[in-house]
Protein backbone atom coordinates (compact mmCIF):
# COMPACT_ATOMS: atom_id res chain seq x y z
CA MET A 1 -53.14 59.22 29.88
CA LEU A 2 -49.99 58.29 27.89
CA ASN A 3 -46.49 59.52 29.12
CA GLN A 4 -44.33 58.18 26.24
CA ILE A 5 -44.47 61.33 23.95
CA LYS A 6 -41.70 64.02 24.93
CA GLY A 7 -42.62 66.80 22.35
CA LEU A 8 -42.08 67.30 18.66
CA HIS A 9 -40.37 65.01 16.47
CA HIS A 10 -40.04 66.80 13.03
CA VAL A 11 -42.72 68.88 10.84
CA THR A 12 -42.89 68.03 7.44
CA SER A 13 -44.33 70.03 4.68
CA LEU A 14 -44.86 70.44 0.72
CA ALA A 15 -42.52 73.05 -1.48
CA SER A 16 -42.37 73.79 -5.23
CA SER A 17 -38.72 73.76 -5.59
CA ALA A 18 -36.21 71.67 -4.27
CA SER A 19 -33.52 74.69 -4.88
CA ARG A 20 -34.79 77.72 -3.26
CA ASN A 21 -36.13 75.57 -0.47
CA ASN A 22 -32.82 74.10 0.32
CA ALA A 23 -31.24 77.84 0.01
CA PHE A 24 -33.69 79.16 2.81
CA PHE A 25 -33.26 76.65 5.27
CA THR A 26 -29.76 76.53 5.11
CA ASP A 27 -28.84 80.14 4.21
CA THR A 28 -31.48 82.15 5.26
CA LEU A 29 -32.09 80.13 8.50
CA GLY A 30 -28.92 79.03 9.13
CA LEU A 31 -29.92 75.49 9.73
CA ARG A 32 -27.90 72.25 8.49
CA ARG A 33 -29.37 70.01 5.74
CA VAL A 34 -28.78 66.65 7.82
CA LYS A 35 -30.15 64.35 5.03
CA GLN A 36 -31.09 64.47 1.31
CA THR A 37 -32.89 61.17 0.12
CA VAL A 38 -36.47 60.77 -1.44
CA ASN A 39 -39.91 60.40 -0.52
CA PHE A 40 -40.55 56.62 -0.06
CA ASP A 41 -43.51 56.77 -2.22
CA ALA A 42 -42.44 59.12 -5.00
CA PRO A 43 -38.67 58.86 -5.50
CA ASP A 44 -38.44 61.17 -8.42
CA VAL A 45 -39.18 63.80 -5.48
CA TYR A 46 -36.55 64.62 -2.90
CA HIS A 47 -37.07 64.20 1.11
CA LEU A 48 -34.80 67.36 2.73
CA TYR A 49 -34.33 67.23 6.06
CA TYR A 50 -32.92 70.49 8.37
CA GLY A 51 -31.92 70.58 11.52
CA ASP A 52 -29.40 71.14 14.25
CA GLU A 53 -25.52 69.23 13.96
CA ALA A 54 -26.94 66.03 14.33
CA GLY A 55 -30.83 66.16 13.40
CA THR A 56 -31.55 65.90 16.79
CA PRO A 57 -35.47 65.08 17.35
CA GLY A 58 -37.08 68.44 18.16
CA THR A 59 -35.11 70.39 15.85
CA VAL A 60 -36.22 68.92 12.24
CA MET A 61 -38.34 70.34 9.42
CA THR A 62 -38.61 68.17 6.47
CA TYR A 63 -39.88 69.20 3.23
CA PHE A 64 -40.82 67.04 0.10
CA PRO A 65 -40.55 69.69 -2.87
CA PHE A 66 -42.81 68.46 -5.79
CA PRO A 67 -41.69 70.83 -8.74
CA MET A 68 -43.75 73.64 -9.39
CA ALA A 69 -46.57 72.36 -6.77
CA ALA A 70 -49.59 75.14 -6.53
CA ARG A 71 -49.54 77.05 -3.70
CA GLY A 72 -51.78 75.58 -0.44
CA LYS A 73 -54.76 77.43 0.51
CA PRO A 74 -54.99 78.36 4.28
CA GLY A 75 -57.53 77.40 6.51
CA THR A 76 -58.80 74.69 8.97
CA GLY A 77 -57.67 70.89 9.47
CA GLU A 78 -53.96 71.92 9.50
CA VAL A 79 -51.04 72.95 11.06
CA GLY A 80 -50.76 76.63 10.34
CA ARG A 81 -47.64 78.36 12.01
CA THR A 82 -44.23 76.50 13.19
CA TYR A 83 -42.49 77.96 15.85
CA PHE A 84 -38.62 77.79 16.00
CA ALA A 85 -36.93 78.84 19.49
CA VAL A 86 -33.91 81.62 19.49
CA PRO A 87 -32.73 83.63 22.25
CA LYS A 88 -35.07 85.93 23.49
CA ASP A 89 -32.34 89.03 22.73
CA SER A 90 -31.78 87.75 18.97
CA LEU A 91 -35.34 89.11 17.85
CA ASP A 92 -34.25 92.39 16.69
CA ALA A 93 -31.31 91.32 14.91
CA TRP A 94 -33.49 88.18 13.28
CA ALA A 95 -36.14 90.70 12.26
CA GLU A 96 -33.55 93.18 10.61
CA ARG A 97 -31.98 90.07 8.93
CA LEU A 98 -34.93 88.49 7.46
CA ALA A 99 -35.94 92.06 6.16
CA GLY A 100 -32.60 92.65 4.62
CA LEU A 101 -33.00 89.39 2.97
CA GLY A 102 -36.30 90.59 1.43
CA VAL A 103 -38.62 87.67 3.46
CA ALA A 104 -42.08 87.85 3.00
CA GLY A 105 -44.66 87.99 5.78
CA LEU A 106 -42.52 89.76 8.44
CA GLY A 107 -44.31 90.86 11.71
CA ARG A 108 -43.83 91.07 15.36
CA ASP A 109 -46.70 90.00 18.39
CA THR A 110 -46.43 88.33 21.80
CA ARG A 111 -48.60 85.00 22.28
CA PHE A 112 -48.96 83.88 26.23
CA GLY A 113 -45.95 86.26 26.96
CA ASP A 114 -43.67 85.04 24.43
CA ASP A 115 -42.42 87.84 21.63
CA ARG A 116 -42.08 86.45 18.44
CA VAL A 117 -40.80 87.49 14.81
CA LEU A 118 -43.37 86.10 12.27
CA PHE A 119 -42.44 85.45 8.80
CA ASP A 120 -43.16 83.28 5.72
CA GLY A 121 -41.13 80.64 3.39
CA PRO A 122 -40.61 80.31 0.17
CA ASP A 123 -44.11 79.15 -0.55
CA GLY A 124 -45.90 80.78 1.99
CA ASP A 125 -45.49 78.47 5.11
CA ALA A 126 -45.72 80.17 8.05
CA PHE A 127 -43.28 80.20 10.93
CA ALA A 128 -42.39 82.04 14.04
CA LEU A 129 -38.90 82.32 15.70
CA VAL A 130 -40.07 82.99 19.41
CA GLY A 131 -37.82 84.49 21.89
CA THR A 132 -36.57 82.55 24.54
CA GLU A 133 -34.88 81.60 27.69
CA GLY A 134 -32.72 79.05 28.78
CA ASP A 135 -33.06 76.73 26.10
CA GLU A 136 -29.96 74.79 26.82
CA ARG A 137 -29.74 72.80 23.27
CA ALA A 138 -26.88 73.62 21.19
CA PRO A 139 -27.69 75.19 17.68
CA TRP A 140 -25.75 74.52 14.41
CA THR A 141 -23.79 77.31 13.50
CA GLY A 142 -22.25 75.89 10.58
CA GLY A 143 -24.66 78.04 8.39
CA GLY A 144 -23.04 81.33 9.58
CA ILE A 145 -25.21 82.56 12.03
CA SER A 146 -23.71 83.34 15.64
CA GLU A 147 -24.78 81.06 18.56
CA GLN A 148 -25.98 83.91 20.26
CA MET A 149 -28.84 84.03 17.69
CA ALA A 150 -29.10 80.91 16.04
CA ILE A 151 -32.26 78.74 16.18
CA ARG A 152 -32.20 76.07 19.10
CA GLY A 153 -34.69 73.86 17.43
CA PHE A 154 -38.72 73.78 17.37
CA GLN A 155 -40.58 75.61 20.32
CA GLY A 156 -43.71 74.03 18.79
CA ALA A 157 -46.77 74.56 16.37
CA ASP A 158 -50.76 75.38 16.25
CA MET A 159 -53.06 73.65 14.69
CA ARG A 160 -55.98 75.47 13.11
CA LEU A 161 -59.35 73.89 13.48
CA ARG A 162 -63.09 74.81 13.40
CA ASP A 163 -63.57 72.90 16.61
CA GLU A 164 -61.29 72.11 19.28
CA GLY A 165 -62.90 69.73 21.15
CA ALA A 166 -61.99 66.43 20.34
CA SER A 167 -58.47 67.24 19.34
CA ALA A 168 -57.79 69.46 22.63
CA GLU A 169 -58.92 65.84 24.36
CA LEU A 170 -56.55 63.67 22.23
CA LEU A 171 -53.84 65.99 23.22
CA LYS A 172 -54.20 65.63 27.01
CA PHE A 173 -54.67 61.76 26.31
CA MET A 174 -51.14 62.12 24.67
CA GLY A 175 -49.63 63.44 27.58
CA TYR A 176 -50.17 67.32 27.28
CA GLU A 177 -51.73 69.72 29.49
CA GLU A 178 -53.49 72.82 29.00
CA VAL A 179 -51.32 75.87 30.38
CA ASP A 180 -53.45 78.80 29.18
CA ARG A 181 -55.74 80.28 26.67
CA LYS A 182 -56.99 83.35 25.27
CA ASP A 183 -59.97 84.75 22.91
CA ASN A 184 -59.48 81.68 20.52
CA VAL A 185 -56.39 80.04 21.45
CA ILE A 186 -55.30 77.35 23.74
CA ARG A 187 -51.68 76.16 24.41
CA PHE A 188 -50.57 72.70 25.51
CA LYS A 189 -47.19 71.75 26.79
CA VAL A 190 -46.32 68.46 27.36
CA PRO A 191 -44.11 68.32 30.92
CA GLY A 192 -40.85 67.03 30.76
CA GLY A 193 -40.25 67.06 27.16
CA ASN A 194 -37.73 67.71 24.75
CA ALA A 195 -38.08 71.57 24.97
CA ALA A 196 -40.32 71.23 21.21
CA ASP A 197 -42.86 70.82 23.54
CA THR A 198 -45.92 73.30 22.88
CA ILE A 199 -48.75 72.93 20.83
CA ASP A 200 -51.92 75.54 20.24
CA ILE A 201 -55.12 75.34 19.07
CA GLU A 202 -56.33 77.97 17.24
CA THR A 203 -60.03 77.46 16.57
CA LEU A 204 -61.89 79.46 13.78
CA PRO A 205 -65.45 78.00 13.60
CA GLY A 206 -66.20 80.07 10.47
CA ALA A 207 -63.05 79.48 8.29
CA SER A 208 -62.88 77.43 4.86
CA PRO A 209 -61.09 73.59 4.95
CA ALA A 210 -57.29 74.05 4.32
CA GLY A 211 -56.30 72.87 0.54
CA GLN A 212 -52.99 71.09 0.93
CA GLY A 213 -50.18 72.51 -1.60
CA ALA A 214 -46.91 73.97 -1.55
CA GLY A 215 -46.41 75.83 1.71
CA SER A 216 -48.88 73.23 3.61
CA VAL A 217 -47.66 70.96 6.19
CA HIS A 218 -48.18 67.47 5.14
CA HIS A 219 -47.78 65.99 8.73
CA ILE A 220 -46.44 66.68 12.12
CA ALA A 221 -44.63 64.31 13.99
CA PHE A 222 -44.09 63.41 17.83
CA ALA A 223 -40.92 61.90 19.68
CA VAL A 224 -41.25 58.71 21.60
CA GLU A 225 -37.47 57.51 22.88
CA ASN A 226 -37.63 53.98 21.03
CA ARG A 227 -39.58 51.14 19.23
CA ALA A 228 -41.12 49.79 22.68
CA ARG A 229 -42.59 53.08 23.64
CA GLN A 230 -43.99 53.70 20.16
CA LEU A 231 -45.80 49.97 20.25
CA GLU A 232 -47.18 51.01 23.82
CA VAL A 233 -48.16 54.72 22.22
CA ARG A 234 -50.06 52.55 18.80
CA GLU A 235 -51.83 50.31 21.33
CA ALA A 236 -53.23 52.73 23.44
CA LEU A 237 -54.42 54.79 20.34
CA ILE A 238 -56.02 51.73 18.75
CA ASP A 239 -57.62 50.57 22.33
CA THR A 240 -58.98 54.75 22.18
CA GLY A 241 -60.63 54.04 18.73
CA TYR A 242 -57.99 55.39 16.16
CA ARG A 243 -56.82 53.84 12.91
CA VAL A 244 -53.40 53.56 13.30
CA THR A 245 -50.93 52.54 10.61
CA PRO A 246 -48.70 49.45 11.20
CA VAL A 247 -45.19 50.47 12.33
CA ILE A 248 -42.89 51.60 9.03
CA ASP A 249 -39.32 51.81 8.55
CA ARG A 250 -38.29 55.36 7.45
CA ASP A 251 -34.94 54.39 7.67
CA TYR A 252 -33.90 57.12 10.16
CA PHE A 253 -36.77 56.31 12.54
CA TRP A 254 -39.98 54.22 12.84
CA ALA A 255 -43.12 55.80 12.11
CA ILE A 256 -46.81 55.35 12.77
CA TYR A 257 -49.45 57.40 11.43
CA PHE A 258 -53.23 58.10 12.24
CA ARG A 259 -55.54 61.16 11.80
CA THR A 260 -56.95 63.57 14.27
CA PRO A 261 -60.30 64.67 14.64
CA GLY A 262 -59.68 67.91 13.38
CA GLY A 263 -58.27 66.41 10.03
CA VAL A 264 -54.37 66.87 10.78
CA LEU A 265 -52.27 63.94 10.18
CA PHE A 266 -50.29 62.73 13.35
CA GLU A 267 -46.90 60.81 13.33
CA VAL A 268 -45.13 59.06 16.27
CA ALA A 269 -41.66 58.71 15.43
CA THR A 270 -38.79 57.14 17.34
CA ASN A 271 -35.59 59.02 18.06
CA GLU A 272 -33.58 55.83 17.32
CA PRO A 273 -31.41 54.83 15.06
CA GLY A 274 -30.89 58.97 13.81
CA PHE A 275 -29.52 60.13 10.98
CA ALA A 276 -25.81 58.93 11.18
CA THR A 277 -26.90 55.17 10.27
CA ASP A 278 -25.59 56.03 6.78
CA GLU A 279 -23.31 58.67 6.65
CA ASP A 280 -20.98 60.48 9.17
CA THR A 281 -22.05 63.02 11.40
CA ALA A 282 -19.65 65.34 9.84
CA HIS A 283 -20.83 64.85 6.69
CA LEU A 284 -24.34 64.85 7.25
CA GLY A 285 -26.35 65.93 4.08
CA GLU A 286 -23.81 66.09 1.51
CA ALA A 287 -24.87 62.92 -0.70
CA LEU A 288 -27.89 61.63 -2.19
CA LYS A 289 -28.98 58.73 0.32
CA LEU A 290 -31.58 56.17 -1.27
CA PRO A 291 -33.85 53.88 0.46
CA SER A 292 -32.71 50.17 -0.24
CA GLN A 293 -35.99 49.62 -2.16
CA HIS A 294 -35.11 52.76 -4.47
CA ALA A 295 -31.14 52.03 -4.74
CA HIS A 296 -31.48 50.33 -8.24
CA LEU A 297 -33.39 54.26 -9.45
CA ARG A 298 -29.93 55.79 -8.56
CA GLU A 299 -28.46 56.90 -12.00
CA LYS A 300 -32.10 58.19 -13.25
CA LEU A 301 -32.89 60.12 -9.66
CA GLU A 302 -29.12 61.49 -9.82
CA ARG A 303 -29.82 62.69 -13.35
CA VAL A 304 -33.83 64.46 -13.03
CA LEU A 305 -33.39 65.54 -9.38
CA GLU A 306 -32.49 69.14 -9.15
CA PRO A 307 -29.19 69.87 -7.62
CA LEU A 308 -28.47 71.08 -4.72
CA GLU A 309 -25.66 73.37 -3.19
């Protein structure tokens, strides 16, 4: 069993409009845009990152906004809902705020004792605000939301699968422990993690496979401290039979990828070097930063990419 993984690093999804996506996460949810760059494989598409002040691993939601992308079809073989942690006594205020802003998909529920506000993003992406206590992560308040209710980062996410067996064993191999189960949902937590430590598996044996599109999670990334720990994880996964990519330099972290038995794309990403490698922390996300291989495209990209506020 591995002990290098400390919880989530980031979650990456697809969107249909960069400006609408940016407004939702920075204005509606009050997160900080910590980086605006482009997709390594499709440089005419943004890669936008939102999180706390520094883009700390475990707080960062990222998006590939493909203009006018068709809406995804929810189903099995995907991450279904992503959970953000907020102070427990702020849920009523959040429900009122989101309703006042016309956010879709609003609801309330309780899962494994956690009270939650459910809501949808601009492309139908499913989220929850989870009322937590004792989360000591410092929130970003520059978005105009008070410290008393601001998002602390992720609590976790759920995977919707036709069969939980092999994916549950994978999570256990990655260091997660089963802590509860009810009906068709099993909860896993990684001990000693970074507070973004929860994965729920929701088993839906009769559901159709998901169809990826705007609002779909493209991949979910797990955090390791550094490249040495990442290489240990990679070797162990390969020894177990997984097909894992070589280490890929993503400028702000190093990444490896592999497909889970349930069809979800997993990434293992390093906490190093972080988002301040090419701009000062005080000005994160303000300027378009390009990977070196796309630097020669700057003039064209600044002309074609949708302007962001």
